C-alpha atoms as a PDB file:
ATOM      1  CA  MET A   1     -39.770 -75.431 -26.918  1.00  0.00           C
ATOM      2  CA  ILE A   2     -39.542 -74.735 -30.415  1.00  0.00           C
ATOM      3  CA  LEU A   3     -36.175 -75.714 -32.230  1.00  0.00           C
ATOM      4  CA  ILE A   4     -35.455 -72.957 -34.555  1.00  0.00           C
ATOM      5  CA  ASP A   5     -34.835 -74.741 -38.100  1.00  0.00           C
ATOM      6  CA  GLY A   6     -31.961 -72.499 -39.060  1.00  0.00           C
ATOM      7  CA  LYS A   7     -32.154 -74.996 -42.473  1.00  0.00           C
ATOM      8  CA  LYS A   8     -35.659 -74.837 -43.253  1.00  0.00           C
ATOM      9  CA  ILE A   9     -35.425 -70.840 -42.830  1.00  0.00           C
ATOM     10  CA  ALA A  10     -32.423 -70.532 -45.039  1.00  0.00           C
ATOM     11  CA  ALA A  11     -33.617 -72.899 -47.609  1.00  0.00           C
ATOM     12  CA  GLU A  12     -37.077 -70.759 -47.670  1.00  0.00           C
ATOM     13  CA  ILE A  13     -34.773 -67.529 -48.193  1.00  0.00           C
ATOM     14  CA  ARG A  14     -32.350 -69.394 -51.294  1.00  0.00           C
ATOM     15  CA  ASP A  15     -35.835 -70.058 -52.509  1.00  0.00           C
ATOM     16  CA  GLU A  16     -37.184 -65.984 -52.789  1.00  0.00           C
ATOM     17  CA  LEU A  17     -33.344 -64.885 -53.929  1.00  0.00           C
ATOM     18  CA  LYS A  18     -33.684 -67.720 -56.647  1.00  0.00           C
ATOM     19  CA  LYS A  19     -37.373 -66.573 -57.846  1.00  0.00           C
ATOM     20  CA  GLU A  20     -35.838 -62.784 -57.612  1.00  0.00           C
ATOM     21  CA  ILE A  21     -32.565 -63.492 -59.750  1.00  0.00           C
ATOM     22  CA  SER A  22     -34.063 -65.386 -62.414  1.00  0.00           C
ATOM     23  CA  GLU A  23     -37.242 -61.741 -62.649  1.00  0.00           C
ATOM     24  CA  LEU A  24     -34.412 -59.531 -62.473  1.00  0.00           C
ATOM     25  CA  LYS A  25     -32.620 -61.635 -65.416  1.00  0.00           C
ATOM     26  CA  LYS A  26     -35.416 -61.604 -67.261  1.00  0.00           C
ATOM     27  CA  LYS A  27     -36.442 -57.411 -66.865  1.00  0.00           C
ATOM     28  CA  LYS A  28     -32.409 -56.367 -66.739  1.00  0.00           C
ATOM     29  CA  ASN A  29     -30.847 -59.134 -68.769  1.00  0.00           C
ATOM     30  CA  LEU A  30     -28.483 -59.237 -66.262  1.00  0.00           C
ATOM     31  CA  VAL A  31     -27.342 -61.794 -63.615  1.00  0.00           C
ATOM     32  CA  PRO A  32     -26.067 -60.914 -60.095  1.00  0.00           C
ATOM     33  CA  GLY A  33     -22.545 -61.822 -59.620  1.00  0.00           C
ATOM     34  CA  LEU A  34     -20.589 -62.877 -56.398  1.00  0.00           C
ATOM     35  CA  THR A  35     -16.584 -62.847 -56.534  1.00  0.00           C
ATOM     36  CA  VAL A  36     -14.600 -64.368 -53.436  1.00  0.00           C
ATOM     37  CA  ILE A  37     -11.246 -64.237 -52.778  1.00  0.00           C
ATOM     38  CA  LEU A  38      -9.410 -67.244 -50.992  1.00  0.00           C
ATOM     39  CA  ILE A  39      -5.881 -66.666 -49.857  1.00  0.00           C
ATOM     40  CA  GLY A  40      -3.692 -69.305 -48.623  1.00  0.00           C
ATOM     41  CA  ASP A  41      -4.465 -73.563 -47.932  1.00  0.00           C
ATOM     42  CA  LEU A  42      -6.404 -73.233 -44.649  1.00  0.00           C
ATOM     43  CA  ALA A  43      -9.296 -76.117 -45.078  1.00  0.00           C
ATOM     44  CA  PRO A  44     -11.899 -74.444 -42.676  1.00  0.00           C
ATOM     45  CA  SER A  45     -11.378 -71.385 -45.400  1.00  0.00           C
ATOM     46  CA  GLN A  46     -11.823 -73.771 -47.837  1.00  0.00           C
ATOM     47  CA  ILE A  47     -14.608 -75.611 -47.230  1.00  0.00           C
ATOM     48  CA  TYR A  48     -16.502 -72.463 -46.261  1.00  0.00           C
ATOM     49  CA  VAL A  49     -15.474 -70.549 -49.644  1.00  0.00           C
ATOM     50  CA  ARG A  50     -17.038 -73.987 -51.033  1.00  0.00           C
ATOM     51  CA  MET A  51     -19.908 -74.038 -49.551  1.00  0.00           C
ATOM     52  CA  LYS A  52     -20.578 -70.211 -50.521  1.00  0.00           C
ATOM     53  CA  GLU A  53     -20.382 -70.902 -54.147  1.00  0.00           C
ATOM     54  CA  LYS A  54     -22.308 -74.054 -54.112  1.00  0.00           C
ATOM     55  CA  ALA A  55     -25.297 -71.942 -52.656  1.00  0.00           C
ATOM     56  CA  ALA A  56     -24.380 -69.216 -54.807  1.00  0.00           C
ATOM     57  CA  ILE A  57     -24.744 -70.900 -58.291  1.00  0.00           C
ATOM     58  CA  GLU A  58     -27.859 -72.985 -56.748  1.00  0.00           C
ATOM     59  CA  VAL A  59     -29.799 -69.553 -56.568  1.00  0.00           C
ATOM     60  CA  GLY A  60     -28.525 -68.314 -59.928  1.00  0.00           C
ATOM     61  CA  LEU A  61     -26.006 -65.989 -58.928  1.00  0.00           C
ATOM     62  CA  LYS A  62     -23.078 -66.107 -61.264  1.00  0.00           C
ATOM     63  CA  SER A  63     -19.953 -67.520 -58.651  1.00  0.00           C
ATOM     64  CA  GLU A  64     -16.369 -66.665 -58.983  1.00  0.00           C
ATOM     65  CA  ILE A  65     -13.410 -67.929 -56.812  1.00  0.00           C
ATOM     66  CA  ILE A  66     -10.288 -66.130 -57.043  1.00  0.00           C
ATOM     67  CA  LYS A  67      -7.239 -67.801 -55.128  1.00  0.00           C
ATOM     68  CA  PHE A  68      -3.861 -66.691 -54.575  1.00  0.00           C
ATOM     69  CA  PRO A  69      -0.960 -68.347 -52.220  1.00  0.00           C
ATOM     70  CA  LYS A  70      -0.697 -67.582 -48.993  1.00  0.00           C
ATOM     71  CA  ASP A  71       2.773 -65.507 -49.581  1.00  0.00           C
ATOM     72  CA  ILE A  72       0.733 -63.351 -51.913  1.00  0.00           C
ATOM     73  CA  ASP A  73       2.132 -59.952 -52.139  1.00  0.00           C
ATOM     74  CA  GLU A  74      -0.164 -57.305 -50.435  1.00  0.00           C
ATOM     75  CA  LYS A  75      -0.377 -55.059 -53.520  1.00  0.00           C
ATOM     76  CA  ILE A  76      -1.668 -57.873 -55.796  1.00  0.00           C
ATOM     77  CA  VAL A  77      -4.352 -58.992 -53.511  1.00  0.00           C
ATOM     78  CA  LEU A  78      -5.544 -54.881 -53.248  1.00  0.00           C
ATOM     79  CA  ASP A  79      -5.183 -54.519 -56.868  1.00  0.00           C
ATOM     80  CA  LYS A  80      -7.346 -56.920 -57.469  1.00  0.00           C
ATOM     81  CA  ILE A  81      -9.972 -55.601 -55.370  1.00  0.00           C
ATOM     82  CA  ASP A  82     -10.148 -52.484 -57.792  1.00  0.00           C
ATOM     83  CA  GLU A  83     -10.685 -54.026 -60.859  1.00  0.00           C
ATOM     84  CA  LEU A  84     -13.086 -55.715 -59.218  1.00  0.00           C
ATOM     85  CA  ASN A  85     -14.340 -52.617 -58.011  1.00  0.00           C
ATOM     86  CA  ASN A  86     -14.411 -51.295 -61.445  1.00  0.00           C
ATOM     87  CA  ASP A  87     -16.082 -54.451 -63.387  1.00  0.00           C
ATOM     88  CA  SER A  88     -19.826 -54.084 -63.658  1.00  0.00           C
ATOM     89  CA  LEU A  89     -20.623 -57.100 -64.163  1.00  0.00           C
ATOM     90  CA  ILE A  90     -19.669 -57.893 -60.320  1.00  0.00           C
ATOM     91  CA  SER A  91     -21.818 -57.069 -57.844  1.00  0.00           C
ATOM     92  CA  GLY A  92     -20.842 -58.491 -54.758  1.00  0.00           C
ATOM     93  CA  ILE A  93     -16.851 -59.036 -53.384  1.00  0.00           C
ATOM     94  CA  LEU A  94     -15.565 -61.091 -50.527  1.00  0.00           C
ATOM     95  CA  VAL A  95     -12.157 -61.687 -49.173  1.00  0.00           C
ATOM     96  CA  GLN A  96     -12.474 -64.938 -46.650  1.00  0.00           C
ATOM     97  CA  LEU A  97     -10.793 -64.258 -43.373  1.00  0.00           C
ATOM     98  CA  PRO A  98      -8.764 -65.146 -41.963  1.00  0.00           C
ATOM     99  CA  LEU A  99      -5.622 -63.740 -43.728  1.00  0.00           C
ATOM    100  CA  PRO A 100      -1.943 -64.149 -43.676  1.00  0.00           C
ATOM    101  CA  LYS A 101      -0.444 -62.288 -41.215  1.00  0.00           C
ATOM    102  CA  HIS A 102       1.715 -60.119 -43.689  1.00  0.00           C
ATOM    103  CA  ILE A 103      -1.826 -58.681 -45.478  1.00  0.00           C
ATOM    104  CA  ASP A 104      -3.436 -56.020 -43.545  1.00  0.00           C
ATOM    105  CA  LYS A 105      -6.790 -57.435 -42.735  1.00  0.00           C
ATOM    106  CA  LYS A 106      -7.652 -52.997 -42.658  1.00  0.00           C
ATOM    107  CA  LYS A 107      -6.427 -52.334 -45.381  1.00  0.00           C
ATOM    108  CA  VAL A 108      -8.323 -55.158 -47.479  1.00  0.00           C
ATOM    109  CA  ILE A 109     -11.893 -54.719 -46.016  1.00  0.00           C
ATOM    110  CA  GLU A 110     -11.449 -51.015 -46.761  1.00  0.00           C
ATOM    111  CA  ARG A 111     -10.270 -51.218 -50.218  1.00  0.00           C
ATOM    112  CA  ILE A 112     -13.456 -52.781 -51.127  1.00  0.00           C
ATOM    113  CA  SER A 113     -16.033 -50.692 -52.607  1.00  0.00           C
ATOM    114  CA  PRO A 114     -18.933 -49.844 -49.841  1.00  0.00           C
ATOM    115  CA  LEU A 115     -21.386 -50.765 -52.481  1.00  0.00           C
ATOM    116  CA  LYS A 116     -19.927 -54.143 -53.100  1.00  0.00           C
ATOM    117  CA  ASP A 117     -19.415 -55.014 -49.798  1.00  0.00           C
ATOM    118  CA  VAL A 118     -21.415 -57.718 -49.111  1.00  0.00           C
ATOM    119  CA  ASP A 119     -20.179 -58.530 -45.778  1.00  0.00           C
ATOM    120  CA  GLY A 120     -20.750 -55.385 -44.593  1.00  0.00           C
ATOM    121  CA  PHE A 121     -17.499 -54.885 -42.786  1.00  0.00           C
ATOM    122  CA  HIS A 122     -16.819 -52.130 -44.350  1.00  0.00           C
ATOM    123  CA  PRO A 123     -16.602 -48.238 -42.294  1.00  0.00           C
ATOM    124  CA  VAL A 124     -18.700 -46.769 -44.089  1.00  0.00           C
ATOM    125  CA  ASN A 125     -21.687 -49.675 -43.867  1.00  0.00           C
ATOM    126  CA  VAL A 126     -20.658 -49.957 -40.215  1.00  0.00           C
ATOM    127  CA  GLY A 127     -21.312 -46.419 -39.535  1.00  0.00           C
ATOM    128  CA  ASN A 128     -24.557 -46.755 -42.000  1.00  0.00           C
ATOM    129  CA  LEU A 129     -25.907 -49.751 -39.464  1.00  0.00           C
ATOM    130  CA  SER A 130     -24.854 -47.545 -36.216  1.00  0.00           C
ATOM    131  CA  SER A 131     -26.679 -44.582 -37.878  1.00  0.00           C
ATOM    132  CA  GLY A 132     -29.259 -46.265 -37.866  1.00  0.00           C
ATOM    133  CA  TYR A 133     -28.610 -45.779 -41.998  1.00  0.00           C
ATOM    134  CA  LYS A 134     -29.946 -48.254 -44.659  1.00  0.00           C
ATOM    135  CA  SER A 135     -27.025 -50.148 -45.272  1.00  0.00           C
ATOM    136  CA  ILE A 136     -25.523 -53.841 -46.094  1.00  0.00           C
ATOM    137  CA  ILE A 137     -25.598 -55.977 -42.473  1.00  0.00           C
ATOM    138  CA  PRO A 138     -22.334 -58.315 -41.797  1.00  0.00           C
ATOM    139  CA  CYS A 139     -23.974 -62.039 -42.364  1.00  0.00           C
ATOM    140  CA  THR A 140     -24.516 -63.849 -39.176  1.00  0.00           C
ATOM    141  CA  PRO A 141     -26.034 -60.867 -37.570  1.00  0.00           C
ATOM    142  CA  LEU A 142     -28.839 -60.521 -40.073  1.00  0.00           C
ATOM    143  CA  GLY A 143     -29.443 -63.988 -39.877  1.00  0.00           C
ATOM    144  CA  CYS A 144     -29.687 -64.112 -36.278  1.00  0.00           C
ATOM    145  CA  TYR A 145     -31.859 -61.323 -36.760  1.00  0.00           C
ATOM    146  CA  LEU A 146     -34.322 -63.294 -38.926  1.00  0.00           C
ATOM    147  CA  LEU A 147     -34.203 -65.921 -37.050  1.00  0.00           C
ATOM    148  CA  ILE A 148     -35.702 -64.009 -34.016  1.00  0.00           C
ATOM    149  CA  LYS A 149     -38.043 -61.951 -36.382  1.00  0.00           C
ATOM    150  CA  LYS A 150     -39.254 -65.608 -37.369  1.00  0.00           C
ATOM    151  CA  TYR A 151     -40.655 -66.148 -33.650  1.00  0.00           C
ATOM    152  CA  GLU A 152     -41.201 -62.603 -32.089  1.00  0.00           C
ATOM    153  CA  GLN A 153     -42.623 -60.091 -34.528  1.00  0.00           C
ATOM    154  CA  ASN A 154     -42.998 -57.360 -31.880  1.00  0.00           C
ATOM    155  CA  LEU A 155     -39.474 -56.517 -30.088  1.00  0.00           C
ATOM    156  CA  ASN A 156     -40.382 -53.671 -28.973  1.00  0.00           C
ATOM    157  CA  GLY A 157     -39.028 -53.257 -25.126  1.00  0.00           C
ATOM    158  CA  LYS A 158     -37.601 -56.406 -24.643  1.00  0.00           C
ATOM    159  CA  LYS A 159     -34.304 -56.831 -23.243  1.00  0.00           C
ATOM    160  CA  ALA A 160     -31.665 -58.407 -24.899  1.00  0.00           C
ATOM    161  CA  VAL A 161     -28.002 -59.893 -23.975  1.00  0.00           C
ATOM    162  CA  VAL A 162     -25.494 -60.484 -26.848  1.00  0.00           C
ATOM    163  CA  ILE A 163     -22.899 -62.028 -25.652  1.00  0.00           C
ATOM    164  CA  GLY A 164     -19.822 -61.222 -27.469  1.00  0.00           C
ATOM    165  CA  ARG A 165     -18.551 -57.800 -29.234  1.00  0.00           C
ATOM    166  CA  SER A 166     -17.230 -58.612 -32.226  1.00  0.00           C
ATOM    167  CA  ASN A 167     -17.119 -56.580 -35.051  1.00  0.00           C
ATOM    168  CA  LEU A 168     -18.310 -59.921 -36.951  1.00  0.00           C
ATOM    169  CA  ASN A 169     -21.582 -60.091 -34.861  1.00  0.00           C
ATOM    170  CA  GLY A 170     -21.971 -58.536 -31.510  1.00  0.00           C
ATOM    171  CA  LYS A 171     -20.995 -54.862 -32.315  1.00  0.00           C
ATOM    172  CA  PRO A 172     -23.755 -55.016 -35.519  1.00  0.00           C
ATOM    173  CA  MET A 173     -26.175 -57.644 -33.645  1.00  0.00           C
ATOM    174  CA  THR A 174     -26.156 -54.841 -30.994  1.00  0.00           C
ATOM    175  CA  GLN A 175     -27.510 -52.599 -33.748  1.00  0.00           C
ATOM    176  CA  LEU A 176     -30.345 -54.487 -35.096  1.00  0.00           C
ATOM    177  CA  LEU A 177     -31.753 -55.014 -31.919  1.00  0.00           C
ATOM    178  CA  LEU A 178     -31.568 -51.419 -30.770  1.00  0.00           C
ATOM    179  CA  ARG A 179     -33.298 -50.434 -34.258  1.00  0.00           C
ATOM    180  CA  GLU A 180     -36.055 -52.903 -33.259  1.00  0.00           C
ATOM    181  CA  ASN A 181     -36.328 -50.892 -30.022  1.00  0.00           C
ATOM    182  CA  CYS A 182     -35.082 -52.929 -27.429  1.00  0.00           C
ATOM    183  CA  THR A 183     -33.149 -52.584 -24.966  1.00  0.00           C
ATOM    184  CA  VAL A 184     -29.256 -54.536 -25.278  1.00  0.00           C
ATOM    185  CA  THR A 185     -26.405 -55.371 -22.706  1.00  0.00           C
ATOM    186  CA  ILE A 186     -23.826 -55.933 -24.799  1.00  0.00           C
ATOM    187  CA  THR A 187     -21.683 -58.570 -22.577  1.00  0.00           C
ATOM    188  CA  HIS A 188     -18.278 -60.952 -23.134  1.00  0.00           C
ATOM    189  CA  SER A 189     -15.866 -63.223 -21.261  1.00  0.00           C
ATOM    190  CA  LYS A 190     -14.725 -60.393 -18.598  1.00  0.00           C
ATOM    191  CA  THR A 191     -18.066 -59.289 -17.974  1.00  0.00           C
ATOM    192  CA  LYS A 192     -19.112 -59.625 -13.835  1.00  0.00           C
ATOM    193  CA  ASP A 193     -22.103 -62.300 -13.259  1.00  0.00           C
ATOM    194  CA  LEU A 194     -22.943 -62.887 -16.477  1.00  0.00           C
ATOM    195  CA  LYS A 195     -25.145 -65.614 -15.091  1.00  0.00           C
ATOM    196  CA  ALA A 196     -27.659 -62.144 -13.659  1.00  0.00           C
ATOM    197  CA  GLU A 197     -27.152 -60.447 -16.844  1.00  0.00           C
ATOM    198  CA  CYS A 198     -28.632 -63.310 -18.911  1.00  0.00           C
ATOM    199  CA  SER A 199     -31.550 -64.584 -16.378  1.00  0.00           C
ATOM    200  CA  GLU A 200     -33.350 -61.372 -16.958  1.00  0.00           C
ATOM    201  CA  ALA A 201     -33.022 -61.162 -20.937  1.00  0.00           C
ATOM    202  CA  ASP A 202     -35.926 -61.838 -23.346  1.00  0.00           C
ATOM    203  CA  ILE A 203     -33.826 -62.766 -25.918  1.00  0.00           C
ATOM    204  CA  ILE A 204     -29.902 -63.875 -25.843  1.00  0.00           C
ATOM    205  CA  VAL A 205     -27.156 -64.080 -28.555  1.00  0.00           C
ATOM    206  CA  ALA A 206     -24.259 -65.974 -27.233  1.00  0.00           C
ATOM    207  CA  ALA A 207     -21.175 -65.779 -29.647  1.00  0.00           C
ATOM    208  CA  ALA A 208     -18.866 -65.915 -27.558  1.00  0.00           C
ATOM    209  CA  GLY A 209     -16.785 -68.937 -28.743  1.00  0.00           C
ATOM    210  CA  ILE A 210     -16.802 -70.694 -25.326  1.00  0.00           C
ATOM    211  CA  PRO A 211     -17.985 -74.171 -24.828  1.00  0.00           C
ATOM    212  CA  GLU A 212     -21.636 -74.203 -23.423  1.00  0.00           C
ATOM    213  CA  LEU A 213     -21.013 -71.372 -21.412  1.00  0.00           C
ATOM    214  CA  VAL A 214     -24.874 -70.446 -21.201  1.00  0.00           C
ATOM    215  CA  ARG A 215     -26.410 -72.968 -18.705  1.00  0.00           C
ATOM    216  CA  GLY A 216     -30.287 -74.061 -17.905  1.00  0.00           C
ATOM    217  CA  ASP A 217     -30.183 -71.456 -15.206  1.00  0.00           C
ATOM    218  CA  TRP A 218     -29.413 -68.570 -16.471  1.00  0.00           C
ATOM    219  CA  VAL A 219     -32.163 -68.713 -19.139  1.00  0.00           C
ATOM    220  CA  LYS A 220     -35.613 -67.651 -18.272  1.00  0.00           C
ATOM    221  CA  LYS A 221     -38.590 -68.955 -18.761  1.00  0.00           C
ATOM    222  CA  ASP A 222     -40.019 -68.307 -22.799  1.00  0.00           C
ATOM    223  CA  ALA A 223     -36.328 -66.489 -23.670  1.00  0.00           C
ATOM    224  CA  ILE A 224     -35.235 -66.796 -27.236  1.00  0.00           C
ATOM    225  CA  VAL A 225     -31.905 -68.234 -27.391  1.00  0.00           C
ATOM    226  CA  ILE A 226     -29.608 -67.975 -30.166  1.00  0.00           C
ATOM    227  CA  ASP A 227     -26.390 -69.683 -30.348  1.00  0.00           C
ATOM    228  CA  VAL A 228     -24.024 -68.333 -32.792  1.00  0.00           C
ATOM    229  CA  GLY A 229     -20.627 -70.906 -31.443  1.00  0.00           C
ATOM    230  CA  ILE A 230     -19.287 -73.536 -33.633  1.00  0.00           C
ATOM    231  CA  ASN A 231     -16.801 -75.064 -31.056  1.00  0.00           C
ATOM    232  CA  LYS A 232     -14.577 -78.523 -31.352  1.00  0.00           C
ATOM    233  CA  THR A 233     -14.678 -80.615 -28.071  1.00  0.00           C
ATOM    234  CA  ASP A 234     -14.218 -84.325 -27.315  1.00  0.00           C
ATOM    235  CA  LYS A 235     -17.843 -84.933 -27.269  1.00  0.00           C
ATOM    236  CA  GLY A 236     -18.183 -83.038 -31.142  1.00  0.00           C
ATOM    237  CA  ILE A 237     -19.685 -79.564 -32.189  1.00  0.00           C
ATOM    238  CA  VAL A 238     -21.393 -77.915 -29.586  1.00  0.00           C
ATOM    239  CA  GLY A 239     -22.246 -74.187 -29.611  1.00  0.00           C
ATOM    240  CA  ASP A 240     -22.026 -71.669 -26.472  1.00  0.00           C
ATOM    241  CA  VAL A 241     -25.566 -72.782 -25.361  1.00  0.00           C
ATOM    242  CA  ALA A 242     -25.580 -75.989 -23.048  1.00  0.00           C
ATOM    243  CA  PHE A 243     -28.563 -77.407 -25.538  1.00  0.00           C
ATOM    244  CA  ASP A 244     -30.003 -80.468 -23.033  1.00  0.00           C
ATOM    245  CA  GLU A 245     -30.284 -77.754 -20.102  1.00  0.00           C
ATOM    246  CA  VAL A 246     -31.047 -74.407 -21.925  1.00  0.00           C
ATOM    247  CA  SER A 247     -34.297 -75.873 -23.789  1.00  0.00           C
ATOM    248  CA  LYS A 248     -35.827 -77.480 -21.012  1.00  0.00           C
ATOM    249  CA  PHE A 249     -36.497 -73.238 -20.191  1.00  0.00           C
ATOM    250  CA  ALA A 250     -36.614 -71.412 -23.145  1.00  0.00           C
ATOM    251  CA  LYS A 251     -39.703 -70.961 -25.665  1.00  0.00           C
ATOM    252  CA  ALA A 252     -37.000 -71.070 -29.055  1.00  0.00           C
ATOM    253  CA  LEU A 253     -33.833 -72.305 -29.290  1.00  0.00           C
ATOM    254  CA  THR A 254     -31.194 -72.742 -32.200  1.00  0.00           C
ATOM    255  CA  PRO A 255     -29.532 -75.785 -32.529  1.00  0.00           C
ATOM    256  CA  VAL A 256     -25.729 -76.730 -33.195  1.00  0.00           C
ATOM    257  CA  PRO A 257     -24.790 -77.399 -36.078  1.00  0.00           C
ATOM    258  CA  GLY A 258     -27.982 -76.091 -38.051  1.00  0.00           C
ATOM    259  CA  GLY A 259     -28.875 -72.638 -36.594  1.00  0.00           C
ATOM    260  CA  VAL A 260     -27.324 -70.183 -37.506  1.00  0.00           C
ATOM    261  CA  GLY A 261     -24.738 -71.382 -39.783  1.00  0.00           C
ATOM    262  CA  PRO A 262     -27.244 -71.846 -42.932  1.00  0.00           C
ATOM    263  CA  MET A 263     -28.615 -68.484 -42.375  1.00  0.00           C
ATOM    264  CA  THR A 264     -24.963 -67.027 -42.639  1.00  0.00           C
ATOM    265  CA  ILE A 265     -24.844 -68.018 -46.217  1.00  0.00           C
ATOM    266  CA  ALA A 266     -28.208 -67.065 -46.905  1.00  0.00           C
ATOM    267  CA  CYS A 267     -27.847 -63.534 -45.898  1.00  0.00           C
ATOM    268  CA  LEU A 268     -24.615 -63.311 -47.661  1.00  0.00           C
ATOM    269  CA  LEU A 269     -26.524 -64.073 -50.826  1.00  0.00           C
ATOM    270  CA  LYS A 270     -29.759 -62.276 -49.687  1.00  0.00           C
ATOM    271  CA  ASN A 271     -26.749 -59.093 -49.470  1.00  0.00           C
ATOM    272  CA  THR A 272     -25.008 -59.981 -53.017  1.00  0.00           C
ATOM    273  CA  VAL A 273     -28.649 -59.054 -54.514  1.00  0.00           C
ATOM    274  CA  GLU A 274     -28.997 -56.420 -52.212  1.00  0.00           C
ATOM    275  CA  CYS A 275     -25.534 -55.042 -53.306  1.00  0.00           C
ATOM    276  CA  PHE A 276     -26.352 -55.262 -57.174  1.00  0.00           C
ATOM    277  CA  LYS A 277     -30.050 -53.720 -56.700  1.00  0.00           C
ATOM    278  CA  ASN A 278     -27.971 -50.615 -54.963  1.00  0.00           C
ATOM    279  CA  LEU A 279     -25.806 -50.420 -58.254  1.00  0.00           C
ATOM    280  CA  LEU A 280     -28.328 -50.756 -60.106  1.00  0.00           C
ATOM    281  CA  LYS A 281     -30.097 -46.796 -58.574  1.00  0.00           C
END
């Protein structure tokens, strides 16, 4: 079995971006800039934002974090997004989720310019991806896609099962696999006989948020299994895949941690550079 090293592949992407950003600076005398809006004091959100800032600075991006208290008025947040949309020095805007209950997530996502939407959540980017047009792709499914392509270049006709139907991963992941001419089944926690669906799959992307849901006898020999889950359990952090069991069957498998997680941040940086280049056109 091949252990898919997300840390190593993410480092390769960051090295490529570092060179590209350096070249852009020489040619255009401009540097892509990423601004993150953080609302409230949720510990996981603060950790994620710090990780994003560190990675952005390491590759040479300009990085800014705007912090608001959890009781901030929604209008102030929306006005700040308008200001950032109009700032030519800002290439990418990200509002860290989840948001406090009094702030409308849909309004916030739709307020960010599609050209600066590094998360790929704006309806324009979602629609373009679904229609097969050029778009900014959400970071986690993009990371999963790049991991799969690293070990299987030709996905033509492959049967793929995506577990999880979220806007963050399941739905965009499905579109990316369809683009590669896969036959895709999108499943979830309510799917009847999920084991039977998985047992026929050449590719499984598990993002249901259920610890060790995918068992060894669910996976056929030589399948590629991408584990997006991060679950806190009594035995520590585990994914949605029973790693020890599945590793006996799969051709390639991502670990948790160290698989998809590093790729998500690398793809955020990649999207920031992509937005920058699109804005120059």
